[in-house]
Amino acid sequence: MATVDAHITGTVWTYEVKVGDQVGEGDTVAILESMKMEMPVEAEVGGVVAELLCAEGQAVSEGEPLVRLA
């Protein structure tokens, strides 16, 4: 299984996907907020969303997995 990881330290603003959604390479799966800026997080590979690993509003570190893809 692949994961989509946070590329910056910030807060999970919102998810653009839900469990069961099909995503393609480059699709936005989440929006992170950092320093009052909203930054999209894109899937590096395609797959089906198996699990959302963080809650909206949760603080995350750079490299932390956000979404697990099957």
PDB file of N, CA and C in Angstrom:
ATOM      1  N   MET A   1       0.835  -1.197   0.000  1.00  0.00           N
ATOM      2  CA  MET A   1       0.000   0.000   0.000  1.00  0.00           C
ATOM      3  C   MET A   1       0.868   1.244   0.000  1.00  0.00           C
ATOM      4  N   ALA A   2       0.437   2.242  -0.699  1.00  0.00           N
ATOM      5  CA  ALA A   2       1.149   3.518  -0.757  1.00  0.00           C
ATOM      6  C   ALA A   2       0.487   4.509   0.191  1.00  0.00           C
ATOM      7  N   THR A   3       1.245   5.519   0.574  1.00  0.00           N
ATOM      8  CA  THR A   3       0.672   6.603   1.374  1.00  0.00           C
ATOM      9  C   THR A   3       0.919   7.926   0.662  1.00  0.00           C
ATOM     10  N   VAL A   4       0.064   8.885   0.977  1.00  0.00           N
ATOM     11  CA  VAL A   4       0.270  10.269   0.541  1.00  0.00           C
ATOM     12  C   VAL A   4       0.687  11.015   1.798  1.00  0.00           C
ATOM     13  N   ASP A   5       1.873  11.623   1.742  1.00  0.00           N
ATOM     14  CA  ASP A   5       2.468  12.234   2.926  1.00  0.00           C
ATOM     15  C   ASP A   5       2.409  13.756   2.865  1.00  0.00           C
ATOM     16  N   ALA A   6       2.406  14.369   4.055  1.00  0.00           N
ATOM     17  CA  ALA A   6       2.461  15.833   4.151  1.00  0.00           C
ATOM     18  C   ALA A   6       3.805  16.308   3.622  1.00  0.00           C
ATOM     19  N   HIS A   7       3.807  17.322   2.778  1.00  0.00           N
ATOM     20  CA  HIS A   7       5.048  17.862   2.234  1.00  0.00           C
ATOM     21  C   HIS A   7       5.549  19.072   3.025  1.00  0.00           C
ATOM     22  N   ILE A   8       4.743  19.513   3.986  1.00  0.00           N
ATOM     23  CA  ILE A   8       5.117  20.617   4.873  1.00  0.00           C
ATOM     24  C   ILE A   8       4.541  20.339   6.256  1.00  0.00           C
ATOM     25  N   THR A   9       5.055  21.007   7.258  1.00  0.00           N
ATOM     26  CA  THR A   9       4.478  20.964   8.598  1.00  0.00           C
ATOM     27  C   THR A   9       3.310  21.940   8.625  1.00  0.00           C
ATOM     28  N   GLY A  10       2.185  21.507   9.143  1.00  0.00           N
ATOM     29  CA  GLY A  10       1.008  22.372   9.184  1.00  0.00           C
ATOM     30  C   GLY A  10      -0.163  21.676   9.842  1.00  0.00           C
ATOM     31  N   THR A  11      -1.356  22.091   9.458  1.00  0.00           N
ATOM     32  CA  THR A  11      -2.601  21.550   9.986  1.00  0.00           C
ATOM     33  C   THR A  11      -3.435  21.022   8.832  1.00  0.00           C
ATOM     34  N   VAL A  12      -4.035  19.852   9.029  1.00  0.00           N
ATOM     35  CA  VAL A  12      -4.931  19.309   7.997  1.00  0.00           C
ATOM     36  C   VAL A  12      -6.162  20.211   7.967  1.00  0.00           C
ATOM     37  N   TRP A  13      -6.286  20.988   6.905  1.00  0.00           N
ATOM     38  CA  TRP A  13      -7.406  21.914   6.760  1.00  0.00           C
ATOM     39  C   TRP A  13      -8.657  21.141   6.370  1.00  0.00           C
ATOM     40  N   THR A  14      -8.545  20.338   5.307  1.00  0.00           N
ATOM     41  CA  THR A  14      -9.674  19.540   4.842  1.00  0.00           C
ATOM     42  C   THR A  14      -9.171  18.416   3.950  1.00  0.00           C
ATOM     43  N   TYR A  15      -9.967  17.365   3.849  1.00  0.00           N
ATOM     44  CA  TYR A  15      -9.708  16.298   2.882  1.00  0.00           C
ATOM     45  C   TYR A  15     -10.578  16.537   1.658  1.00  0.00           C
ATOM     46  N   GLU A  16     -10.029  16.281   0.493  1.00  0.00           N
ATOM     47  CA  GLU A  16     -10.754  16.401  -0.764  1.00  0.00           C
ATOM     48  C   GLU A  16     -11.274  15.042  -1.232  1.00  0.00           C
ATOM     49  N   VAL A  17     -10.976  13.982  -0.469  1.00  0.00           N
ATOM     50  CA  VAL A  17     -11.380  12.619  -0.817  1.00  0.00           C
ATOM     51  C   VAL A  17     -11.984  11.948   0.411  1.00  0.00           C
ATOM     52  N   LYS A  18     -12.632  10.809   0.167  1.00  0.00           N
ATOM     53  CA  LYS A  18     -13.150   9.984   1.264  1.00  0.00           C
ATOM     54  C   LYS A  18     -12.778   8.530   0.980  1.00  0.00           C
ATOM     55  N   VAL A  19     -12.879   7.689   1.983  1.00  0.00           N
ATOM     56  CA  VAL A  19     -12.555   6.274   1.824  1.00  0.00           C
ATOM     57  C   VAL A  19     -13.397   5.690   0.688  1.00  0.00           C
ATOM     58  N   GLY A  20     -12.725   4.968  -0.201  1.00  0.00           N
ATOM     59  CA  GLY A  20     -13.393   4.348  -1.344  1.00  0.00           C
ATOM     60  C   GLY A  20     -13.242   5.121  -2.639  1.00  0.00           C
ATOM     61  N   ASP A  21     -12.809   6.382  -2.558  1.00  0.00           N
ATOM     62  CA  ASP A  21     -12.626   7.193  -3.770  1.00  0.00           C
ATOM     63  C   ASP A  21     -11.431   6.702  -4.575  1.00  0.00           C
ATOM     64  N   GLN A  22     -11.546   6.753  -5.883  1.00  0.00           N
ATOM     65  CA  GLN A  22     -10.437   6.467  -6.796  1.00  0.00           C
ATOM     66  C   GLN A  22      -9.691   7.769  -7.033  1.00  0.00           C
ATOM     67  N   VAL A  23      -8.357   7.758  -6.893  1.00  0.00           N
ATOM     68  CA  VAL A  23      -7.561   8.940  -7.173  1.00  0.00           C
ATOM     69  C   VAL A  23      -6.484   8.594  -8.194  1.00  0.00           C
ATOM     70  N   GLY A  24      -6.109   9.583  -8.961  1.00  0.00           N
ATOM     71  CA  GLY A  24      -5.047   9.422  -9.943  1.00  0.00           C
ATOM     72  C   GLY A  24      -3.817  10.199  -9.521  1.00  0.00           C
ATOM     73  N   GLU A  25      -2.702   9.913 -10.161  1.00  0.00           N
ATOM     74  CA  GLU A  25      -1.470  10.645  -9.896  1.00  0.00           C
ATOM     75  C   GLU A  25      -1.717  12.131 -10.137  1.00  0.00           C
ATOM     76  N   GLY A  26      -1.356  12.953  -9.160  1.00  0.00           N
ATOM     77  CA  GLY A  26      -1.524  14.398  -9.282  1.00  0.00           C
ATOM     78  C   GLY A  26      -2.835  14.932  -8.738  1.00  0.00           C
ATOM     79  N   ASP A  27      -3.768  14.038  -8.365  1.00  0.00           N
ATOM     80  CA  ASP A  27      -5.035  14.500  -7.792  1.00  0.00           C
ATOM     81  C   ASP A  27      -4.807  15.056  -6.385  1.00  0.00           C
ATOM     82  N   THR A  28      -5.492  16.139  -6.048  1.00  0.00           N
ATOM     83  CA  THR A  28      -5.426  16.707  -4.707  1.00  0.00           C
ATOM     84  C   THR A  28      -6.232  15.838  -3.762  1.00  0.00           C
ATOM     85  N   VAL A  29      -5.591  15.395  -2.660  1.00  0.00           N
ATOM     86  CA  VAL A  29      -6.287  14.553  -1.688  1.00  0.00           C
ATOM     87  C   VAL A  29      -6.574  15.296  -0.391  1.00  0.00           C
ATOM     88  N   ALA A  30      -5.782  16.332  -0.095  1.00  0.00           N
ATOM     89  CA  ALA A  30      -5.974  17.087   1.144  1.00  0.00           C
ATOM     90  C   ALA A  30      -5.446  18.497   0.950  1.00  0.00           C
ATOM     91  N   ILE A  31      -5.876  19.385   1.851  1.00  0.00           N
ATOM     92  CA  ILE A  31      -5.369  20.750   1.894  1.00  0.00           C
ATOM     93  C   ILE A  31      -4.764  20.950   3.280  1.00  0.00           C
ATOM     94  N   LEU A  32      -3.495  21.378   3.306  1.00  0.00           N
ATOM     95  CA  LEU A  32      -2.837  21.710   4.565  1.00  0.00           C
ATOM     96  C   LEU A  32      -2.793  23.219   4.714  1.00  0.00           C
ATOM     97  N   GLU A  33      -2.900  23.689   5.948  1.00  0.00           N
ATOM     98  CA  GLU A  33      -2.759  25.117   6.250  1.00  0.00           C
ATOM     99  C   GLU A  33      -1.448  25.286   6.995  1.00  0.00           C
ATOM    100  N   SER A  34      -0.628  26.197   6.502  1.00  0.00           N
ATOM    101  CA  SER A  34       0.638  26.496   7.150  1.00  0.00           C
ATOM    102  C   SER A  34       0.934  27.971   6.958  1.00  0.00           C
ATOM    103  N   MET A  35       1.181  28.666   8.047  1.00  0.00           N
ATOM    104  CA  MET A  35       1.503  30.093   7.992  1.00  0.00           C
ATOM    105  C   MET A  35       0.436  30.889   7.233  1.00  0.00           C
ATOM    106  N   LYS A  36      -0.827  30.558   7.497  1.00  0.00           N
ATOM    107  CA  LYS A  36      -1.990  31.249   6.915  1.00  0.00           C
ATOM    108  C   LYS A  36      -2.142  31.023   5.413  1.00  0.00           C
ATOM    109  N   MET A  37      -1.430  30.006   4.868  1.00  0.00           N
ATOM    110  CA  MET A  37      -1.547  29.667   3.455  1.00  0.00           C
ATOM    111  C   MET A  37      -2.117  28.255   3.333  1.00  0.00           C
ATOM    112  N   GLU A  38      -2.981  28.050   2.353  1.00  0.00           N
ATOM    113  CA  GLU A  38      -3.540  26.730   2.085  1.00  0.00           C
ATOM    114  C   GLU A  38      -2.719  26.073   0.982  1.00  0.00           C
ATOM    115  N   MET A  39      -2.215  24.860   1.264  1.00  0.00           N
ATOM    116  CA  MET A  39      -1.335  24.157   0.332  1.00  0.00           C
ATOM    117  C   MET A  39      -1.950  22.813  -0.034  1.00  0.00           C
ATOM    118  N   PRO A  40      -2.192  22.534  -1.323  1.00  0.00           N
ATOM    119  CA  PRO A  40      -2.747  21.237  -1.710  1.00  0.00           C
ATOM    120  C   PRO A  40      -1.702  20.134  -1.571  1.00  0.00           C
ATOM    121  N   VAL A  41      -2.170  18.945  -1.204  1.00  0.00           N
ATOM    122  CA  VAL A  41      -1.328  17.756  -1.142  1.00  0.00           C
ATOM    123  C   VAL A  41      -1.837  16.813  -2.226  1.00  0.00           C
ATOM    124  N   GLU A  42      -0.950  16.450  -3.152  1.00  0.00           N
ATOM    125  CA  GLU A  42      -1.339  15.642  -4.301  1.00  0.00           C
ATOM    126  C   GLU A  42      -0.817  14.220  -4.180  1.00  0.00           C
ATOM    127  N   ALA A  43      -1.575  13.280  -4.723  1.00  0.00           N
ATOM    128  CA  ALA A  43      -1.150  11.884  -4.756  1.00  0.00           C
ATOM    129  C   ALA A  43      -0.006  11.726  -5.744  1.00  0.00           C
ATOM    130  N   GLU A  44       1.015  10.989  -5.338  1.00  0.00           N
ATOM    131  CA  GLU A  44       2.147  10.722  -6.240  1.00  0.00           C
ATOM    132  C   GLU A  44       1.878   9.512  -7.122  1.00  0.00           C
ATOM    133  N   VAL A  45       0.941   8.667  -6.695  1.00  0.00           N
ATOM    134  CA  VAL A  45       0.521   7.494  -7.470  1.00  0.00           C
ATOM    135  C   VAL A  45      -0.990   7.396  -7.388  1.00  0.00           C
ATOM    136  N   GLY A  46      -1.581   6.656  -8.309  1.00  0.00           N
ATOM    137  CA  GLY A  46      -3.019   6.443  -8.279  1.00  0.00           C
ATOM    138  C   GLY A  46      -3.380   5.276  -7.379  1.00  0.00           C
ATOM    139  N   GLY A  47      -4.641   5.204  -7.014  1.00  0.00           N
ATOM    140  CA  GLY A  47      -5.135   4.100  -6.197  1.00  0.00           C
ATOM    141  C   GLY A  47      -6.502   4.422  -5.641  1.00  0.00           C
ATOM    142  N   VAL A  48      -6.945   3.577  -4.731  1.00  0.00           N
ATOM    143  CA  VAL A  48      -8.227   3.753  -4.048  1.00  0.00           C
ATOM    144  C   VAL A  48      -7.923   4.159  -2.613  1.00  0.00           C
ATOM    145  N   VAL A  49      -8.615   5.176  -2.117  1.00  0.00           N
ATOM    146  CA  VAL A  49      -8.407   5.640  -0.745  1.00  0.00           C
ATOM    147  C   VAL A  49      -8.886   4.550   0.213  1.00  0.00           C
ATOM    148  N   ALA A  50      -7.930   4.002   0.977  1.00  0.00           N
ATOM    149  CA  ALA A  50      -8.240   2.940   1.936  1.00  0.00           C
ATOM    150  C   ALA A  50      -8.469   3.483   3.342  1.00  0.00           C
ATOM    151  N   GLU A  51      -7.766   4.589   3.674  1.00  0.00           N
ATOM    152  CA  GLU A  51      -7.851   5.108   5.036  1.00  0.00           C
ATOM    153  C   GLU A  51      -7.374   6.551   5.080  1.00  0.00           C
ATOM    154  N   LEU A  52      -8.070   7.390   5.850  1.00  0.00           N
ATOM    155  CA  LEU A  52      -7.614   8.741   6.164  1.00  0.00           C
ATOM    156  C   LEU A  52      -6.908   8.644   7.505  1.00  0.00           C
ATOM    157  N   LEU A  53      -5.638   8.978   7.558  1.00  0.00           N
ATOM    158  CA  LEU A  53      -4.806   8.688   8.722  1.00  0.00           C
ATOM    159  C   LEU A  53      -4.760   9.804   9.761  1.00  0.00           C
ATOM    160  N   CYS A  54      -5.228  10.991   9.433  1.00  0.00           N
ATOM    161  CA  CYS A  54      -5.251  12.122  10.360  1.00  0.00           C
ATOM    162  C   CYS A  54      -6.632  12.761  10.327  1.00  0.00           C
ATOM    163  N   ALA A  55      -6.971  13.414  11.400  1.00  0.00           N
ATOM    164  CA  ALA A  55      -8.252  14.108  11.473  1.00  0.00           C
ATOM    165  C   ALA A  55      -8.116  15.523  10.930  1.00  0.00           C
ATOM    166  N   GLU A  56      -9.195  16.057  10.368  1.00  0.00           N
ATOM    167  CA  GLU A  56      -9.201  17.468   9.981  1.00  0.00           C
ATOM    168  C   GLU A  56      -8.960  18.294  11.238  1.00  0.00           C
ATOM    169  N   GLY A  57      -8.104  19.296  11.129  1.00  0.00           N
ATOM    170  CA  GLY A  57      -7.749  20.131  12.269  1.00  0.00           C
ATOM    171  C   GLY A  57      -6.528  19.636  13.034  1.00  0.00           C
ATOM    172  N   GLN A  58      -6.038  18.451  12.688  1.00  0.00           N
ATOM    173  CA  GLN A  58      -4.876  17.876  13.369  1.00  0.00           C
ATOM    174  C   GLN A  58      -3.578  18.478  12.836  1.00  0.00           C
ATOM    175  N   ALA A  59      -2.644  18.775  13.730  1.00  0.00           N
ATOM    176  CA  ALA A  59      -1.319  19.243  13.336  1.00  0.00           C
ATOM    177  C   ALA A  59      -0.509  18.049  12.840  1.00  0.00           C
ATOM    178  N   VAL A  60       0.228  18.244  11.746  1.00  0.00           N
ATOM    179  CA  VAL A  60       1.061  17.186  11.171  1.00  0.00           C
ATOM    180  C   VAL A  60       2.452  17.730  10.872  1.00  0.00           C
ATOM    181  N   SER A  61       3.419  16.823  10.847  1.00  0.00           N
ATOM    182  CA  SER A  61       4.798  17.173  10.525  1.00  0.00           C
ATOM    183  C   SER A  61       5.096  16.816   9.081  1.00  0.00           C
ATOM    184  N   GLU A  62       6.086  17.458   8.504  1.00  0.00           N
ATOM    185  CA  GLU A  62       6.523  17.129   7.157  1.00  0.00           C
ATOM    186  C   GLU A  62       6.881  15.641   7.095  1.00  0.00           C
ATOM    187  N   GLY A  63       6.374  14.954   6.076  1.00  0.00           N
ATOM    188  CA  GLY A  63       6.636  13.536   5.904  1.00  0.00           C
ATOM    189  C   GLY A  63       5.635  12.608   6.568  1.00  0.00           C
ATOM    190  N   GLU A  64       4.737  13.152   7.389  1.00  0.00           N
ATOM    191  CA  GLU A  64       3.741  12.322   8.067  1.00  0.00           C
ATOM    192  C   GLU A  64       2.692  11.838   7.064  1.00  0.00           C
ATOM    193  N   PRO A  65       2.362  10.533   7.099  1.00  0.00           N
ATOM    194  CA  PRO A  65       1.344  10.022   6.178  1.00  0.00           C
ATOM    195  C   PRO A  65      -0.053  10.578   6.499  1.00  0.00           C
ATOM    196  N   LEU A  66      -0.764  10.981   5.445  1.00  0.00           N
ATOM    197  CA  LEU A  66      -2.116  11.529   5.600  1.00  0.00           C
ATOM    198  C   LEU A  66      -3.185  10.568   5.095  1.00  0.00           C
ATOM    199  N   VAL A  67      -2.908   9.908   3.975  1.00  0.00           N
ATOM    200  CA  VAL A  67      -3.878   9.039   3.300  1.00  0.00           C
ATOM    201  C   VAL A  67      -3.189   7.742   2.911  1.00  0.00           C
ATOM    202  N   ARG A  68      -3.847   6.605   3.155  1.00  0.00           N
ATOM    203  CA  ARG A  68      -3.335   5.312   2.692  1.00  0.00           C
ATOM    204  C   ARG A  68      -4.122   4.906   1.449  1.00  0.00           C
ATOM    205  N   LEU A  69      -3.379   4.549   0.388  1.00  0.00           N
ATOM    206  CA  LEU A  69      -3.986   4.123  -0.870  1.00  0.00           C
ATOM    207  C   LEU A  69      -3.796   2.618  -1.057  1.00  0.00           C
ATOM    208  N   ALA A  70      -4.827   1.960  -1.573  1.00  0.00           N
ATOM    209  CA  ALA A  70      -4.732   0.528  -1.880  1.00  0.00           C
ATOM    210  C   ALA A  70      -4.499   0.378  -3.369  1.00  0.00           C
TER     211      ALA A  70
END
